[in-house]
Amino acid sequence: MVTLRSKFRGCIAASWVGSAMGAAVEGWSREGIKKKYGFLDRLLSYAHYDGKWERLPGTTEDGIERQKLMATAIIEDGDGNHRAAGSDIGARSGAGVGSRSRSGEDEV
């Protein structure tokens, strides 16, 4: 049986893969991608902020970091009825989804 936890993990994993695949061409038109790369079949390095911030192939973009912080804030609240606020995210800026708990078990 597929659990809600496994569905959640699948959604997170898919968004990370999509981010890593699309970060280099984020905001580009289909025509622009096709013109420069043809069929894109590999992960690309990319630069942001006028080339001042070089990212390696497979690196996710900043939206994934916000996603990890939001998920962590909700998970740590524990009651399932929490709406994460900016203060929750700021307090957890060093945490991430997929970390190990103190007991050594995987956390979502």
N, C-alpha and C. Protein backbone atom coordinates (compact mmCIF):
# COMPACT_ATOMS: atom_id res chain seq x y z
N MET A 1 0.83 -1.18 0.00
CA MET A 1 0.00 0.00 0.00
C MET A 1 0.88 1.26 0.00
N VAL A 2 0.53 2.19 -0.81
CA VAL A 2 1.27 3.45 -0.87
C VAL A 2 0.79 4.35 0.26
N THR A 3 1.72 4.76 1.10
CA THR A 3 1.36 5.60 2.24
C THR A 3 1.42 7.08 1.86
N LEU A 4 0.80 7.89 2.69
CA LEU A 4 0.85 9.33 2.50
C LEU A 4 2.30 9.82 2.57
N ARG A 5 3.08 9.23 3.47
CA ARG A 5 4.50 9.61 3.61
C ARG A 5 5.25 9.33 2.31
N SER A 6 5.02 8.17 1.70
CA SER A 6 5.74 7.86 0.46
C SER A 6 5.28 8.77 -0.68
N LYS A 7 4.01 9.14 -0.68
CA LYS A 7 3.52 10.10 -1.69
C LYS A 7 4.20 11.46 -1.49
N PHE A 8 4.31 11.88 -0.25
CA PHE A 8 4.95 13.15 0.06
C PHE A 8 6.41 13.13 -0.40
N ARG A 9 7.11 12.04 -0.07
CA ARG A 9 8.51 11.91 -0.49
C ARG A 9 8.64 11.90 -2.01
N GLY A 10 7.71 11.24 -2.68
CA GLY A 10 7.73 11.22 -4.15
C GLY A 10 7.56 12.61 -4.73
N CYS A 11 6.65 13.40 -4.16
CA CYS A 11 6.45 14.78 -4.62
C CYS A 11 7.70 15.61 -4.41
N ILE A 12 8.31 15.47 -3.24
CA ILE A 12 9.54 16.23 -2.96
C ILE A 12 10.65 15.82 -3.92
N ALA A 13 10.85 14.51 -4.10
CA ALA A 13 11.91 14.04 -5.00
C ALA A 13 11.68 14.52 -6.42
N ALA A 14 10.44 14.45 -6.89
CA ALA A 14 10.13 14.89 -8.26
C ALA A 14 10.39 16.39 -8.44
N SER A 15 10.08 17.17 -7.42
CA SER A 15 10.32 18.61 -7.56
C SER A 15 11.82 18.91 -7.55
N TRP A 16 12.61 18.14 -6.79
CA TRP A 16 14.06 18.34 -6.79
C TRP A 16 14.65 17.96 -8.15
N VAL A 17 14.20 16.86 -8.71
CA VAL A 17 14.69 16.44 -10.03
C VAL A 17 14.31 17.48 -11.08
N GLY A 18 13.06 17.92 -11.05
CA GLY A 18 12.61 18.94 -12.00
C GLY A 18 13.40 20.23 -11.87
N SER A 19 13.70 20.61 -10.65
CA SER A 19 14.48 21.82 -10.41
C SER A 19 15.89 21.67 -10.97
N ALA A 20 16.52 20.53 -10.71
CA ALA A 20 17.89 20.30 -11.20
C ALA A 20 17.92 20.27 -12.73
N MET A 21 16.88 19.70 -13.33
CA MET A 21 16.84 19.61 -14.79
C MET A 21 16.53 20.96 -15.43
N GLY A 22 15.68 21.75 -14.79
CA GLY A 22 15.21 22.98 -15.42
C GLY A 22 15.89 24.25 -14.99
N ALA A 23 16.73 24.19 -13.97
CA ALA A 23 17.32 25.42 -13.45
C ALA A 23 18.12 26.19 -14.49
N ALA A 24 18.86 25.48 -15.33
CA ALA A 24 19.72 26.16 -16.32
C ALA A 24 18.93 26.90 -17.39
N VAL A 25 17.69 26.49 -17.61
CA VAL A 25 16.88 27.12 -18.67
C VAL A 25 15.60 27.74 -18.10
N GLU A 26 15.59 27.99 -16.81
CA GLU A 26 14.42 28.58 -16.16
C GLU A 26 14.05 29.91 -16.81
N GLY A 27 12.79 30.03 -17.17
CA GLY A 27 12.29 31.25 -17.79
C GLY A 27 12.48 31.32 -19.29
N TRP A 28 13.15 30.36 -19.88
CA TRP A 28 13.38 30.35 -21.32
C TRP A 28 12.13 29.83 -22.03
N SER A 29 11.96 30.23 -23.26
CA SER A 29 10.89 29.68 -24.09
C SER A 29 11.34 28.33 -24.63
N ARG A 30 10.38 27.53 -25.02
CA ARG A 30 10.69 26.22 -25.64
C ARG A 30 11.56 26.43 -26.88
N GLU A 31 11.24 27.46 -27.65
CA GLU A 31 12.00 27.74 -28.87
C GLU A 31 13.44 28.13 -28.56
N GLY A 32 13.63 28.93 -27.49
CA GLY A 32 14.99 29.33 -27.10
C GLY A 32 15.84 28.16 -26.66
N ILE A 33 15.23 27.23 -25.91
CA ILE A 33 15.96 26.03 -25.47
C ILE A 33 16.32 25.18 -26.68
N LYS A 34 15.35 24.98 -27.57
CA LYS A 34 15.58 24.15 -28.76
C LYS A 34 16.67 24.76 -29.65
N LYS A 35 16.65 26.08 -29.80
CA LYS A 35 17.63 26.75 -30.64
C LYS A 35 19.05 26.60 -30.08
N LYS A 36 19.19 26.74 -28.77
CA LYS A 36 20.53 26.68 -28.16
C LYS A 36 21.02 25.24 -27.94
N TYR A 37 20.13 24.34 -27.49
CA TYR A 37 20.56 23.01 -27.10
C TYR A 37 20.00 21.87 -27.94
N GLY A 38 18.98 22.13 -28.74
CA GLY A 38 18.31 21.03 -29.42
C GLY A 38 17.54 20.22 -28.40
N PHE A 39 17.71 18.92 -28.42
CA PHE A 39 17.10 18.05 -27.42
C PHE A 39 18.00 18.02 -26.19
N LEU A 40 17.52 18.47 -25.09
CA LEU A 40 18.32 18.56 -23.88
C LEU A 40 18.28 17.23 -23.14
N ASP A 41 19.41 16.52 -23.11
CA ASP A 41 19.46 15.18 -22.53
C ASP A 41 20.49 15.05 -21.42
N ARG A 42 20.88 16.15 -20.83
CA ARG A 42 21.86 16.13 -19.75
C ARG A 42 21.61 17.33 -18.82
N LEU A 43 22.15 17.23 -17.63
CA LEU A 43 22.07 18.35 -16.68
C LEU A 43 23.14 19.36 -17.04
N LEU A 44 22.81 20.63 -16.91
CA LEU A 44 23.73 21.70 -17.29
C LEU A 44 24.14 22.54 -16.09
N SER A 45 25.35 23.08 -16.14
CA SER A 45 25.73 24.09 -15.16
C SER A 45 25.01 25.38 -15.56
N TYR A 46 24.91 26.29 -14.64
CA TYR A 46 24.25 27.55 -14.97
C TYR A 46 24.75 28.64 -14.03
N ALA A 47 24.54 29.87 -14.44
CA ALA A 47 24.96 31.02 -13.64
C ALA A 47 23.77 31.97 -13.47
N HIS A 48 23.72 32.58 -12.31
CA HIS A 48 22.71 33.58 -12.03
C HIS A 48 23.40 34.88 -11.65
N TYR A 49 22.62 35.93 -11.60
CA TYR A 49 23.10 37.24 -11.20
C TYR A 49 24.26 37.69 -12.09
N ASP A 50 23.98 37.72 -13.38
CA ASP A 50 24.96 38.17 -14.38
C ASP A 50 26.24 37.35 -14.35
N GLY A 51 26.11 36.05 -14.12
CA GLY A 51 27.25 35.15 -14.15
C GLY A 51 28.09 35.14 -12.90
N LYS A 52 27.67 35.84 -11.86
CA LYS A 52 28.47 35.92 -10.64
C LYS A 52 28.28 34.73 -9.71
N TRP A 53 27.28 33.91 -9.98
CA TRP A 53 26.97 32.78 -9.10
C TRP A 53 26.87 31.52 -9.94
N GLU A 54 27.99 30.82 -10.12
CA GLU A 54 28.05 29.63 -10.97
C GLU A 54 27.57 28.41 -10.19
N ARG A 55 26.67 27.65 -10.80
CA ARG A 55 26.10 26.46 -10.17
C ARG A 55 26.47 25.23 -10.99
N LEU A 56 26.82 24.14 -10.32
CA LEU A 56 27.22 22.90 -10.98
C LEU A 56 26.01 22.18 -11.59
N PRO A 57 26.23 21.32 -12.59
CA PRO A 57 25.12 20.53 -13.15
C PRO A 57 24.44 19.71 -12.05
N GLY A 58 23.12 19.70 -12.07
CA GLY A 58 22.36 18.94 -11.08
C GLY A 58 22.01 19.72 -9.82
N THR A 59 22.51 20.95 -9.72
CA THR A 59 22.20 21.78 -8.56
C THR A 59 20.77 22.29 -8.67
N THR A 60 20.04 22.24 -7.57
CA THR A 60 18.67 22.77 -7.57
C THR A 60 18.70 24.28 -7.41
N GLU A 61 17.59 24.90 -7.77
CA GLU A 61 17.52 26.36 -7.65
C GLU A 61 16.95 26.74 -6.28
N ASP A 62 16.88 28.02 -5.99
CA ASP A 62 16.53 28.49 -4.65
C ASP A 62 15.11 28.15 -4.19
N GLY A 63 14.21 27.90 -5.11
CA GLY A 63 12.86 27.52 -4.71
C GLY A 63 12.83 26.24 -3.91
N ILE A 64 13.75 25.34 -4.17
CA ILE A 64 13.83 24.08 -3.44
C ILE A 64 14.26 24.35 -1.99
N GLU A 65 15.13 25.30 -1.78
CA GLU A 65 15.52 25.65 -0.41
C GLU A 65 14.32 26.16 0.37
N ARG A 66 13.51 27.00 -0.23
CA ARG A 66 12.29 27.49 0.44
C ARG A 66 11.35 26.33 0.72
N GLN A 67 11.24 25.41 -0.22
CA GLN A 67 10.37 24.25 -0.05
C GLN A 67 10.84 23.42 1.16
N LYS A 68 12.14 23.18 1.27
CA LYS A 68 12.66 22.41 2.39
C LYS A 68 12.37 23.11 3.72
N LEU A 69 12.54 24.41 3.76
CA LEU A 69 12.27 25.15 4.99
C LEU A 69 10.79 25.10 5.37
N MET A 70 9.91 25.23 4.39
CA MET A 70 8.47 25.15 4.65
C MET A 70 8.09 23.78 5.18
N ALA A 71 8.56 22.73 4.53
CA ALA A 71 8.23 21.37 4.96
C ALA A 71 8.77 21.10 6.36
N THR A 72 9.96 21.56 6.64
CA THR A 72 10.55 21.36 7.96
C THR A 72 9.73 22.08 9.03
N ALA A 73 9.30 23.31 8.75
CA ALA A 73 8.49 24.06 9.71
C ALA A 73 7.18 23.33 10.01
N ILE A 74 6.54 22.80 8.99
CA ILE A 74 5.28 22.08 9.18
C ILE A 74 5.51 20.78 9.94
N ILE A 75 6.54 20.02 9.57
CA ILE A 75 6.84 18.75 10.23
C ILE A 75 7.18 18.96 11.70
N GLU A 76 8.00 19.94 11.99
CA GLU A 76 8.41 20.16 13.37
C GLU A 76 7.26 20.65 14.24
N ASP A 77 6.27 21.31 13.65
CA ASP A 77 5.11 21.75 14.42
C ASP A 77 4.36 20.53 14.96
N GLY A 78 4.22 19.49 14.14
CA GLY A 78 3.72 18.21 14.59
C GLY A 78 2.23 18.01 14.66
N ASP A 79 1.40 19.06 14.67
CA ASP A 79 -0.02 18.82 14.82
C ASP A 79 -0.77 18.75 13.49
N GLY A 80 -0.09 19.03 12.40
CA GLY A 80 -0.72 18.93 11.09
C GLY A 80 -1.66 20.07 10.74
N ASN A 81 -1.84 21.02 11.64
CA ASN A 81 -2.76 22.14 11.39
C ASN A 81 -2.03 23.47 11.32
N HIS A 82 -0.75 23.42 11.13
CA HIS A 82 0.07 24.63 11.18
C HIS A 82 0.16 25.31 9.82
N ARG A 83 0.08 26.59 9.82
CA ARG A 83 0.38 27.39 8.63
C ARG A 83 1.72 28.05 8.91
N ALA A 84 2.72 27.65 8.17
CA ALA A 84 4.07 28.16 8.41
C ALA A 84 4.14 29.64 8.08
N ALA A 85 4.78 30.39 8.95
CA ALA A 85 4.98 31.82 8.77
C ALA A 85 6.46 32.09 8.53
N GLY A 86 6.75 33.30 8.12
CA GLY A 86 8.14 33.67 7.87
C GLY A 86 9.04 33.43 9.07
N SER A 87 8.51 33.66 10.28
CA SER A 87 9.33 33.44 11.48
C SER A 87 9.65 31.97 11.67
N ASP A 88 8.73 31.07 11.28
CA ASP A 88 9.00 29.64 11.36
C ASP A 88 10.14 29.25 10.43
N ILE A 89 10.13 29.82 9.26
CA ILE A 89 11.13 29.47 8.26
C ILE A 89 12.49 30.03 8.64
N GLY A 90 12.51 31.25 9.11
CA GLY A 90 13.76 31.85 9.54
C GLY A 90 14.40 31.09 10.68
N ALA A 91 13.58 30.56 11.58
CA ALA A 91 14.10 29.81 12.72
C ALA A 91 14.68 28.48 12.31
N ARG A 92 14.33 27.99 11.13
CA ARG A 92 14.77 26.67 10.68
C ARG A 92 15.72 26.75 9.49
N SER A 93 16.31 27.85 9.26
CA SER A 93 17.10 28.03 8.04
C SER A 93 18.30 27.09 7.95
N GLY A 94 18.69 26.45 9.02
CA GLY A 94 19.77 25.48 8.96
C GLY A 94 19.29 24.06 8.81
N ALA A 95 17.97 23.83 8.83
CA ALA A 95 17.42 22.48 8.75
C ALA A 95 17.03 22.16 7.32
N GLY A 96 16.82 20.88 7.05
CA GLY A 96 16.41 20.48 5.72
C GLY A 96 15.56 19.25 5.74
N VAL A 97 14.81 19.02 4.69
CA VAL A 97 14.00 17.82 4.54
C VAL A 97 14.92 16.66 4.24
N GLY A 98 14.59 15.50 4.77
CA GLY A 98 15.39 14.32 4.49
C GLY A 98 16.57 14.15 5.43
N SER A 99 16.53 14.82 6.56
CA SER A 99 17.62 14.69 7.51
C SER A 99 17.38 13.49 8.43
N ARG A 100 18.34 13.21 9.26
CA ARG A 100 18.21 12.11 10.21
C ARG A 100 17.75 12.66 11.55
N SER A 101 16.84 11.94 12.19
CA SER A 101 16.40 12.32 13.53
C SER A 101 17.44 11.90 14.55
N ARG A 102 17.26 12.29 15.79
CA ARG A 102 18.20 11.90 16.84
C ARG A 102 18.25 10.41 17.03
N SER A 103 17.13 9.70 16.74
CA SER A 103 17.09 8.26 16.90
C SER A 103 17.74 7.55 15.72
N GLY A 104 18.11 8.31 14.68
CA GLY A 104 18.76 7.72 13.51
C GLY A 104 17.78 7.33 12.42
N GLU A 105 16.50 7.55 12.64
CA GLU A 105 15.51 7.21 11.62
C GLU A 105 15.40 8.33 10.60
N ASP A 106 15.08 7.97 9.37
CA ASP A 106 14.89 8.99 8.35
C ASP A 106 13.66 9.81 8.68
N GLU A 107 13.77 11.10 8.50
CA GLU A 107 12.62 11.99 8.62
C GLU A 107 12.24 12.45 7.24
N VAL A 108 11.01 12.83 7.06
CA VAL A 108 10.56 13.32 5.76
C VAL A 108 11.08 14.72 5.57
